[in-house]
Amino acid sequence: MSNNNPNGKAETLPLVVVGAHLSGMPLNRELTEPGGRLIRRCRTAPDYRLYALPGTVPEKPGLVREPGFAGPGLDVEVWELEASAFGAFVARIPAPLGIGKVRLEDGSEASGFLCEAHAVAGAREITALGGWRAYVAGRSGAA
């Protein structure tokens, strides 16, 4: 597999982020430093729940799909990374987080952060807030 497409540009892959990698959040530099580019802000499909994972530093969310759940959809960002940077990024993701297909509000899917279901047992569900940014703002007392 080549890292270049026919027009000579490096192959890129989309990545859906939901928490500490969002623009302005503590781990966003892990996307920007290797040349990642924000493609769009959108929401997940409604069948996802979001949890604040205890004991993570910096604090991170866990996104879990629950088919049939009719939630609000959650605020996410879709970033684009060169294939080589994507591979290096994924290799550093600590358990219980991982990368899988995330369905977006428009029905499309892209690779993105998901959480192992066992890790949310006892975690605080924050789905009703609509996303990680709202949770962080509420904790800091910001509007």
N, C-alpha and C. Protein backbone atom coordinates (compact mmCIF):
# COMPACT_ATOMS: atom_id res chain seq x y z
N MET A 1 0.85 -1.19 0.00
CA MET A 1 0.00 0.00 0.00
C MET A 1 0.88 1.24 0.00
N SER A 2 0.59 2.13 -0.87
CA SER A 2 1.38 3.35 -1.00
C SER A 2 0.82 4.42 -0.07
N ASN A 3 1.72 5.26 0.41
CA ASN A 3 1.28 6.38 1.23
C ASN A 3 0.91 7.58 0.37
N ASN A 4 1.02 7.42 -0.95
CA ASN A 4 0.69 8.52 -1.84
C ASN A 4 -0.49 8.15 -2.72
N ASN A 5 -1.35 9.11 -2.98
CA ASN A 5 -2.44 8.88 -3.91
C ASN A 5 -1.96 9.29 -5.30
N PRO A 6 -2.75 9.06 -6.35
CA PRO A 6 -2.29 9.33 -7.71
C PRO A 6 -1.86 10.76 -7.99
N ASN A 7 -2.39 11.74 -7.27
CA ASN A 7 -2.01 13.12 -7.54
C ASN A 7 -0.76 13.56 -6.79
N GLY A 8 -0.09 12.61 -6.13
CA GLY A 8 1.18 12.91 -5.47
C GLY A 8 1.07 13.40 -4.05
N LYS A 9 -0.12 13.64 -3.56
CA LYS A 9 -0.28 14.09 -2.17
C LYS A 9 -0.28 12.88 -1.25
N ALA A 10 0.18 13.09 -0.03
CA ALA A 10 0.19 12.01 0.96
C ALA A 10 -1.24 11.57 1.26
N GLU A 11 -1.42 10.27 1.41
CA GLU A 11 -2.73 9.73 1.77
C GLU A 11 -3.11 10.23 3.16
N THR A 12 -4.36 10.63 3.32
CA THR A 12 -4.84 11.08 4.62
C THR A 12 -6.02 10.23 5.06
N LEU A 13 -6.23 10.20 6.36
CA LEU A 13 -7.32 9.43 6.95
C LEU A 13 -8.08 10.32 7.92
N PRO A 14 -9.40 10.19 7.96
CA PRO A 14 -10.18 10.97 8.92
C PRO A 14 -10.11 10.33 10.31
N LEU A 15 -10.24 11.17 11.33
CA LEU A 15 -10.25 10.71 12.72
C LEU A 15 -11.27 11.52 13.49
N VAL A 16 -12.23 10.84 14.11
CA VAL A 16 -13.26 11.49 14.92
C VAL A 16 -12.75 11.57 16.36
N VAL A 17 -12.72 12.78 16.90
CA VAL A 17 -12.29 12.96 18.30
C VAL A 17 -13.45 13.54 19.10
N VAL A 18 -13.50 13.15 20.38
CA VAL A 18 -14.66 13.48 21.20
C VAL A 18 -14.28 14.16 22.51
N GLY A 19 -13.01 14.17 22.90
CA GLY A 19 -12.64 14.65 24.23
C GLY A 19 -11.38 15.47 24.28
N ALA A 20 -10.36 14.94 24.93
CA ALA A 20 -9.13 15.68 25.22
C ALA A 20 -8.34 16.06 23.97
N HIS A 21 -8.72 15.54 22.79
CA HIS A 21 -8.06 15.90 21.54
C HIS A 21 -8.81 16.98 20.76
N LEU A 22 -9.97 17.42 21.26
CA LEU A 22 -10.71 18.49 20.60
C LEU A 22 -9.88 19.76 20.54
N SER A 23 -10.20 20.63 19.61
CA SER A 23 -9.52 21.93 19.50
C SER A 23 -9.53 22.64 20.85
N GLY A 24 -8.37 23.13 21.27
CA GLY A 24 -8.26 23.86 22.53
C GLY A 24 -8.14 22.99 23.77
N MET A 25 -8.23 21.69 23.62
CA MET A 25 -8.14 20.78 24.76
C MET A 25 -6.68 20.31 24.94
N PRO A 26 -6.37 19.72 26.11
CA PRO A 26 -4.97 19.44 26.45
C PRO A 26 -4.20 18.56 25.47
N LEU A 27 -4.84 17.63 24.78
CA LEU A 27 -4.11 16.72 23.90
C LEU A 27 -4.24 17.07 22.42
N ASN A 28 -4.83 18.21 22.10
CA ASN A 28 -5.02 18.59 20.70
C ASN A 28 -3.69 18.68 19.95
N ARG A 29 -2.63 19.02 20.65
CA ARG A 29 -1.31 19.12 20.01
C ARG A 29 -0.88 17.80 19.38
N GLU A 30 -1.40 16.67 19.90
CA GLU A 30 -1.05 15.38 19.31
C GLU A 30 -1.62 15.23 17.90
N LEU A 31 -2.56 16.08 17.55
CA LEU A 31 -3.10 16.13 16.19
C LEU A 31 -2.43 17.23 15.37
N THR A 32 -2.23 18.38 15.98
CA THR A 32 -1.69 19.52 15.22
C THR A 32 -0.19 19.40 14.94
N GLU A 33 0.58 18.87 15.88
CA GLU A 33 2.03 18.79 15.68
C GLU A 33 2.43 17.94 14.48
N PRO A 34 1.77 16.81 14.21
CA PRO A 34 2.13 16.06 13.00
C PRO A 34 1.41 16.56 11.73
N GLY A 35 0.80 17.74 11.81
CA GLY A 35 0.17 18.33 10.63
C GLY A 35 -1.30 18.00 10.44
N GLY A 36 -1.95 17.52 11.49
CA GLY A 36 -3.38 17.22 11.39
C GLY A 36 -4.17 18.48 11.08
N ARG A 37 -5.28 18.29 10.40
CA ARG A 37 -6.11 19.42 9.98
C ARG A 37 -7.56 19.15 10.36
N LEU A 38 -8.18 20.14 11.00
CA LEU A 38 -9.60 20.04 11.35
C LEU A 38 -10.43 20.12 10.08
N ILE A 39 -11.27 19.11 9.86
CA ILE A 39 -12.12 19.05 8.68
C ILE A 39 -13.50 19.65 8.96
N ARG A 40 -14.09 19.22 10.09
CA ARG A 40 -15.42 19.73 10.43
C ARG A 40 -15.78 19.41 11.86
N ARG A 41 -16.72 20.19 12.36
CA ARG A 41 -17.35 19.93 13.66
C ARG A 41 -18.75 19.42 13.35
N CYS A 42 -19.16 18.38 14.05
CA CYS A 42 -20.48 17.80 13.81
C CYS A 42 -20.91 17.03 15.05
N ARG A 43 -21.87 16.16 14.90
CA ARG A 43 -22.37 15.35 16.02
C ARG A 43 -22.38 13.88 15.61
N THR A 44 -22.34 13.03 16.62
CA THR A 44 -22.49 11.61 16.37
C THR A 44 -23.95 11.31 16.06
N ALA A 45 -24.19 10.11 15.57
CA ALA A 45 -25.56 9.59 15.48
C ALA A 45 -26.10 9.51 16.91
N PRO A 46 -27.40 9.38 17.10
CA PRO A 46 -27.97 9.43 18.45
C PRO A 46 -27.74 8.20 19.32
N ASP A 47 -27.15 7.14 18.79
CA ASP A 47 -27.03 5.90 19.59
C ASP A 47 -25.70 5.76 20.33
N TYR A 48 -25.19 6.88 20.82
CA TYR A 48 -23.95 6.87 21.62
C TYR A 48 -24.20 7.47 22.99
N ARG A 49 -23.49 6.93 23.97
CA ARG A 49 -23.47 7.50 25.32
C ARG A 49 -22.04 7.96 25.60
N LEU A 50 -21.92 9.01 26.43
CA LEU A 50 -20.62 9.56 26.78
C LEU A 50 -20.46 9.53 28.29
N TYR A 51 -19.28 9.12 28.72
CA TYR A 51 -18.97 8.98 30.14
C TYR A 51 -17.67 9.71 30.46
N ALA A 52 -17.58 10.25 31.68
CA ALA A 52 -16.32 10.81 32.19
C ALA A 52 -15.58 9.65 32.84
N LEU A 53 -14.43 9.28 32.27
CA LEU A 53 -13.69 8.12 32.78
C LEU A 53 -12.89 8.50 34.02
N PRO A 54 -13.08 7.80 35.11
CA PRO A 54 -12.33 8.12 36.33
C PRO A 54 -10.87 7.70 36.20
N GLY A 55 -9.99 8.48 36.83
CA GLY A 55 -8.58 8.12 36.91
C GLY A 55 -7.76 8.35 35.66
N THR A 56 -8.28 9.09 34.68
CA THR A 56 -7.50 9.37 33.48
C THR A 56 -6.86 10.75 33.60
N VAL A 57 -5.62 10.87 33.13
CA VAL A 57 -4.89 12.14 33.20
C VAL A 57 -4.27 12.41 31.83
N PRO A 58 -4.64 13.54 31.17
CA PRO A 58 -5.74 14.41 31.58
C PRO A 58 -7.06 13.64 31.51
N GLU A 59 -8.06 14.21 32.15
CA GLU A 59 -9.36 13.55 32.18
C GLU A 59 -9.86 13.32 30.75
N LYS A 60 -10.42 12.13 30.53
CA LYS A 60 -10.87 11.77 29.19
C LYS A 60 -12.29 11.19 29.26
N PRO A 61 -13.00 11.30 28.12
CA PRO A 61 -14.32 10.68 28.04
C PRO A 61 -14.24 9.30 27.42
N GLY A 62 -15.29 8.53 27.64
CA GLY A 62 -15.47 7.25 26.98
C GLY A 62 -16.74 7.28 26.16
N LEU A 63 -16.62 7.04 24.88
CA LEU A 63 -17.76 7.02 23.96
C LEU A 63 -18.13 5.56 23.70
N VAL A 64 -19.38 5.22 23.97
CA VAL A 64 -19.85 3.84 23.81
C VAL A 64 -21.12 3.84 22.98
N ARG A 65 -21.15 3.02 21.94
CA ARG A 65 -22.35 2.92 21.11
C ARG A 65 -23.33 1.95 21.75
N GLU A 66 -24.59 2.36 21.77
CA GLU A 66 -25.66 1.52 22.29
C GLU A 66 -26.80 1.52 21.27
N PRO A 67 -26.80 0.54 20.35
CA PRO A 67 -27.85 0.51 19.33
C PRO A 67 -29.24 0.60 19.97
N GLY A 68 -30.07 1.44 19.39
CA GLY A 68 -31.43 1.63 19.91
C GLY A 68 -31.56 2.79 20.87
N PHE A 69 -30.44 3.27 21.44
CA PHE A 69 -30.48 4.41 22.34
C PHE A 69 -30.79 5.65 21.52
N ALA A 70 -31.69 6.48 22.00
CA ALA A 70 -32.09 7.69 21.29
C ALA A 70 -31.58 8.92 22.03
N GLY A 71 -30.29 9.13 21.99
CA GLY A 71 -29.68 10.26 22.66
C GLY A 71 -29.67 11.51 21.80
N PRO A 72 -29.02 12.56 22.30
CA PRO A 72 -29.00 13.83 21.59
C PRO A 72 -27.98 13.89 20.45
N GLY A 73 -27.13 12.88 20.32
CA GLY A 73 -25.96 13.02 19.47
C GLY A 73 -24.95 13.83 20.26
N LEU A 74 -23.69 13.62 20.00
CA LEU A 74 -22.63 14.25 20.79
C LEU A 74 -21.71 15.06 19.90
N ASP A 75 -21.29 16.22 20.40
CA ASP A 75 -20.38 17.08 19.65
C ASP A 75 -19.04 16.38 19.46
N VAL A 76 -18.57 16.35 18.21
CA VAL A 76 -17.28 15.77 17.88
C VAL A 76 -16.60 16.65 16.84
N GLU A 77 -15.33 16.38 16.61
CA GLU A 77 -14.58 17.00 15.52
C GLU A 77 -14.01 15.90 14.65
N VAL A 78 -13.98 16.15 13.35
CA VAL A 78 -13.35 15.22 12.42
C VAL A 78 -12.06 15.88 11.95
N TRP A 79 -10.95 15.20 12.21
CA TRP A 79 -9.63 15.66 11.82
C TRP A 79 -9.12 14.78 10.69
N GLU A 80 -8.13 15.28 9.99
CA GLU A 80 -7.49 14.54 8.91
C GLU A 80 -6.00 14.44 9.24
N LEU A 81 -5.48 13.22 9.20
CA LEU A 81 -4.06 12.97 9.46
C LEU A 81 -3.46 12.20 8.30
N GLU A 82 -2.20 12.47 7.99
CA GLU A 82 -1.51 11.63 7.01
C GLU A 82 -1.48 10.21 7.55
N ALA A 83 -1.50 9.23 6.66
CA ALA A 83 -1.58 7.83 7.07
C ALA A 83 -0.48 7.45 8.04
N SER A 84 0.75 7.90 7.81
CA SER A 84 1.85 7.55 8.71
C SER A 84 1.64 8.16 10.10
N ALA A 85 1.15 9.39 10.16
CA ALA A 85 0.88 10.03 11.45
C ALA A 85 -0.29 9.35 12.15
N PHE A 86 -1.28 8.91 11.38
CA PHE A 86 -2.43 8.21 11.94
C PHE A 86 -1.98 6.94 12.64
N GLY A 87 -1.13 6.17 11.98
CA GLY A 87 -0.63 4.92 12.57
C GLY A 87 0.13 5.16 13.85
N ALA A 88 1.01 6.16 13.85
CA ALA A 88 1.78 6.48 15.06
C ALA A 88 0.86 6.96 16.18
N PHE A 89 -0.15 7.74 15.83
CA PHE A 89 -1.11 8.24 16.82
C PHE A 89 -1.87 7.09 17.46
N VAL A 90 -2.40 6.20 16.65
CA VAL A 90 -3.20 5.08 17.16
C VAL A 90 -2.37 4.18 18.06
N ALA A 91 -1.11 3.99 17.72
CA ALA A 91 -0.23 3.12 18.52
C ALA A 91 -0.05 3.62 19.95
N ARG A 92 -0.27 4.91 20.19
CA ARG A 92 -0.08 5.49 21.53
C ARG A 92 -1.35 5.57 22.36
N ILE A 93 -2.48 5.16 21.84
CA ILE A 93 -3.74 5.29 22.57
C ILE A 93 -3.79 4.27 23.70
N PRO A 94 -3.98 4.75 24.94
CA PRO A 94 -4.02 3.82 26.07
C PRO A 94 -5.39 3.17 26.25
N ALA A 95 -5.38 1.93 26.68
CA ALA A 95 -6.64 1.25 27.04
C ALA A 95 -7.27 2.03 28.20
N PRO A 96 -8.54 2.08 28.30
CA PRO A 96 -9.56 1.31 27.59
C PRO A 96 -10.06 1.98 26.32
N LEU A 97 -9.34 3.00 25.84
CA LEU A 97 -9.74 3.67 24.61
C LEU A 97 -9.16 2.94 23.42
N GLY A 98 -9.78 3.12 22.29
CA GLY A 98 -9.30 2.52 21.05
C GLY A 98 -9.95 3.23 19.88
N ILE A 99 -9.64 2.76 18.70
CA ILE A 99 -10.20 3.35 17.48
C ILE A 99 -11.13 2.33 16.82
N GLY A 100 -12.30 2.80 16.45
CA GLY A 100 -13.28 1.99 15.73
C GLY A 100 -14.11 2.92 14.86
N LYS A 101 -15.09 2.39 14.19
CA LYS A 101 -15.95 3.21 13.34
C LYS A 101 -16.99 3.94 14.18
N VAL A 102 -17.06 5.25 14.00
CA VAL A 102 -18.03 6.10 14.68
C VAL A 102 -19.02 6.60 13.63
N ARG A 103 -20.30 6.40 13.88
CA ARG A 103 -21.33 6.86 12.97
C ARG A 103 -21.69 8.30 13.32
N LEU A 104 -21.72 9.14 12.29
CA LEU A 104 -22.02 10.56 12.48
C LEU A 104 -23.48 10.85 12.16
N GLU A 105 -23.92 12.05 12.54
CA GLU A 105 -25.32 12.43 12.40
C GLU A 105 -25.82 12.35 10.96
N ASP A 106 -24.94 12.51 9.99
CA ASP A 106 -25.35 12.45 8.58
C ASP A 106 -25.37 11.03 8.02
N GLY A 107 -25.08 10.04 8.88
CA GLY A 107 -25.09 8.64 8.46
C GLY A 107 -23.74 8.12 8.00
N SER A 108 -22.78 9.02 7.80
CA SER A 108 -21.44 8.58 7.40
C SER A 108 -20.71 7.99 8.60
N GLU A 109 -19.64 7.26 8.34
CA GLU A 109 -18.82 6.68 9.40
C GLU A 109 -17.37 7.05 9.15
N ALA A 110 -16.62 7.20 10.22
CA ALA A 110 -15.19 7.44 10.14
C ALA A 110 -14.53 6.81 11.36
N SER A 111 -13.26 6.53 11.24
CA SER A 111 -12.52 6.00 12.39
C SER A 111 -12.49 7.04 13.48
N GLY A 112 -12.66 6.60 14.72
CA GLY A 112 -12.66 7.55 15.82
C GLY A 112 -12.55 6.85 17.16
N PHE A 113 -12.46 7.66 18.19
CA PHE A 113 -12.30 7.15 19.55
C PHE A 113 -13.56 6.45 20.04
N LEU A 114 -13.37 5.25 20.57
CA LEU A 114 -14.42 4.50 21.26
C LEU A 114 -13.82 3.97 22.55
N CYS A 115 -14.68 3.54 23.45
CA CYS A 115 -14.24 3.05 24.75
C CYS A 115 -14.76 1.64 24.97
N GLU A 116 -13.94 0.80 25.58
CA GLU A 116 -14.39 -0.54 25.95
C GLU A 116 -15.53 -0.40 26.96
N ALA A 117 -16.59 -1.16 26.76
CA ALA A 117 -17.80 -1.03 27.58
C ALA A 117 -17.54 -1.26 29.07
N HIS A 118 -16.65 -2.19 29.41
CA HIS A 118 -16.40 -2.48 30.82
C HIS A 118 -15.85 -1.27 31.57
N ALA A 119 -15.18 -0.37 30.87
CA ALA A 119 -14.53 0.77 31.51
C ALA A 119 -15.51 1.82 31.99
N VAL A 120 -16.75 1.78 31.53
CA VAL A 120 -17.70 2.80 31.95
C VAL A 120 -18.55 2.36 33.14
N ALA A 121 -18.35 1.13 33.60
CA ALA A 121 -19.07 0.68 34.80
C ALA A 121 -18.64 1.57 35.96
N GLY A 122 -19.57 2.27 36.55
CA GLY A 122 -19.26 3.17 37.66
C GLY A 122 -18.82 4.56 37.24
N ALA A 123 -18.64 4.78 35.93
CA ALA A 123 -18.26 6.12 35.45
C ALA A 123 -19.50 7.00 35.39
N ARG A 124 -19.29 8.30 35.46
CA ARG A 124 -20.40 9.25 35.40
C ARG A 124 -20.85 9.43 33.95
N GLU A 125 -22.12 9.17 33.69
CA GLU A 125 -22.64 9.40 32.33
C GLU A 125 -22.90 10.89 32.14
N ILE A 126 -22.41 11.43 31.02
CA ILE A 126 -22.55 12.86 30.73
C ILE A 126 -23.21 13.10 29.37
N THR A 127 -23.86 12.08 28.85
CA THR A 127 -24.50 12.16 27.53
C THR A 127 -25.41 13.38 27.41
N ALA A 128 -26.21 13.64 28.43
CA ALA A 128 -27.21 14.72 28.37
C ALA A 128 -26.59 16.09 28.14
N LEU A 129 -25.31 16.24 28.44
CA LEU A 129 -24.64 17.52 28.23
C LEU A 129 -24.33 17.78 26.76
N GLY A 130 -24.36 16.74 25.94
CA GLY A 130 -24.15 16.92 24.51
C GLY A 130 -22.72 16.86 24.04
N GLY A 131 -21.78 16.72 24.96
CA GLY A 131 -20.39 16.61 24.52
C GLY A 131 -19.41 16.93 25.63
N TRP A 132 -18.15 16.63 25.36
CA TRP A 132 -17.08 16.80 26.34
C TRP A 132 -16.84 18.26 26.68
N ARG A 133 -16.89 19.13 25.68
CA ARG A 133 -16.62 20.55 25.92
C ARG A 133 -17.61 21.12 26.94
N ALA A 134 -18.88 20.75 26.84
CA ALA A 134 -19.89 21.23 27.79
C ALA A 134 -19.61 20.69 29.19
N TYR A 135 -19.16 19.45 29.27
CA TYR A 135 -18.81 18.86 30.57
C TYR A 135 -17.65 19.62 31.20
N VAL A 136 -16.60 19.87 30.44
CA VAL A 136 -15.43 20.58 30.96
C VAL A 136 -15.81 22.00 31.37
N ALA A 137 -16.62 22.68 30.56
CA ALA A 137 -17.05 24.04 30.89
C ALA A 137 -17.85 24.06 32.19
N GLY A 138 -18.70 23.08 32.39
CA GLY A 138 -19.49 23.00 33.61
C GLY A 138 -18.64 22.76 34.84
N ARG A 139 -17.59 21.97 34.70
CA ARG A 139 -16.69 21.69 35.82
C ARG A 139 -15.88 22.91 36.20
N SER A 140 -15.53 23.72 35.20
CA SER A 140 -14.68 24.88 35.48
C SER A 140 -15.50 26.10 35.87
N GLY A 141 -16.84 25.97 35.82
CA GLY A 141 -17.70 27.09 36.17
C GLY A 141 -17.90 28.05 35.02
N ALA A 142 -17.34 27.72 33.84
CA ALA A 142 -17.52 28.58 32.67
C ALA A 142 -18.91 28.37 32.09
N ALA A 143 -19.38 29.35 31.38
CA ALA A 143 -20.71 29.23 30.76
C ALA A 143 -20.63 28.49 29.46
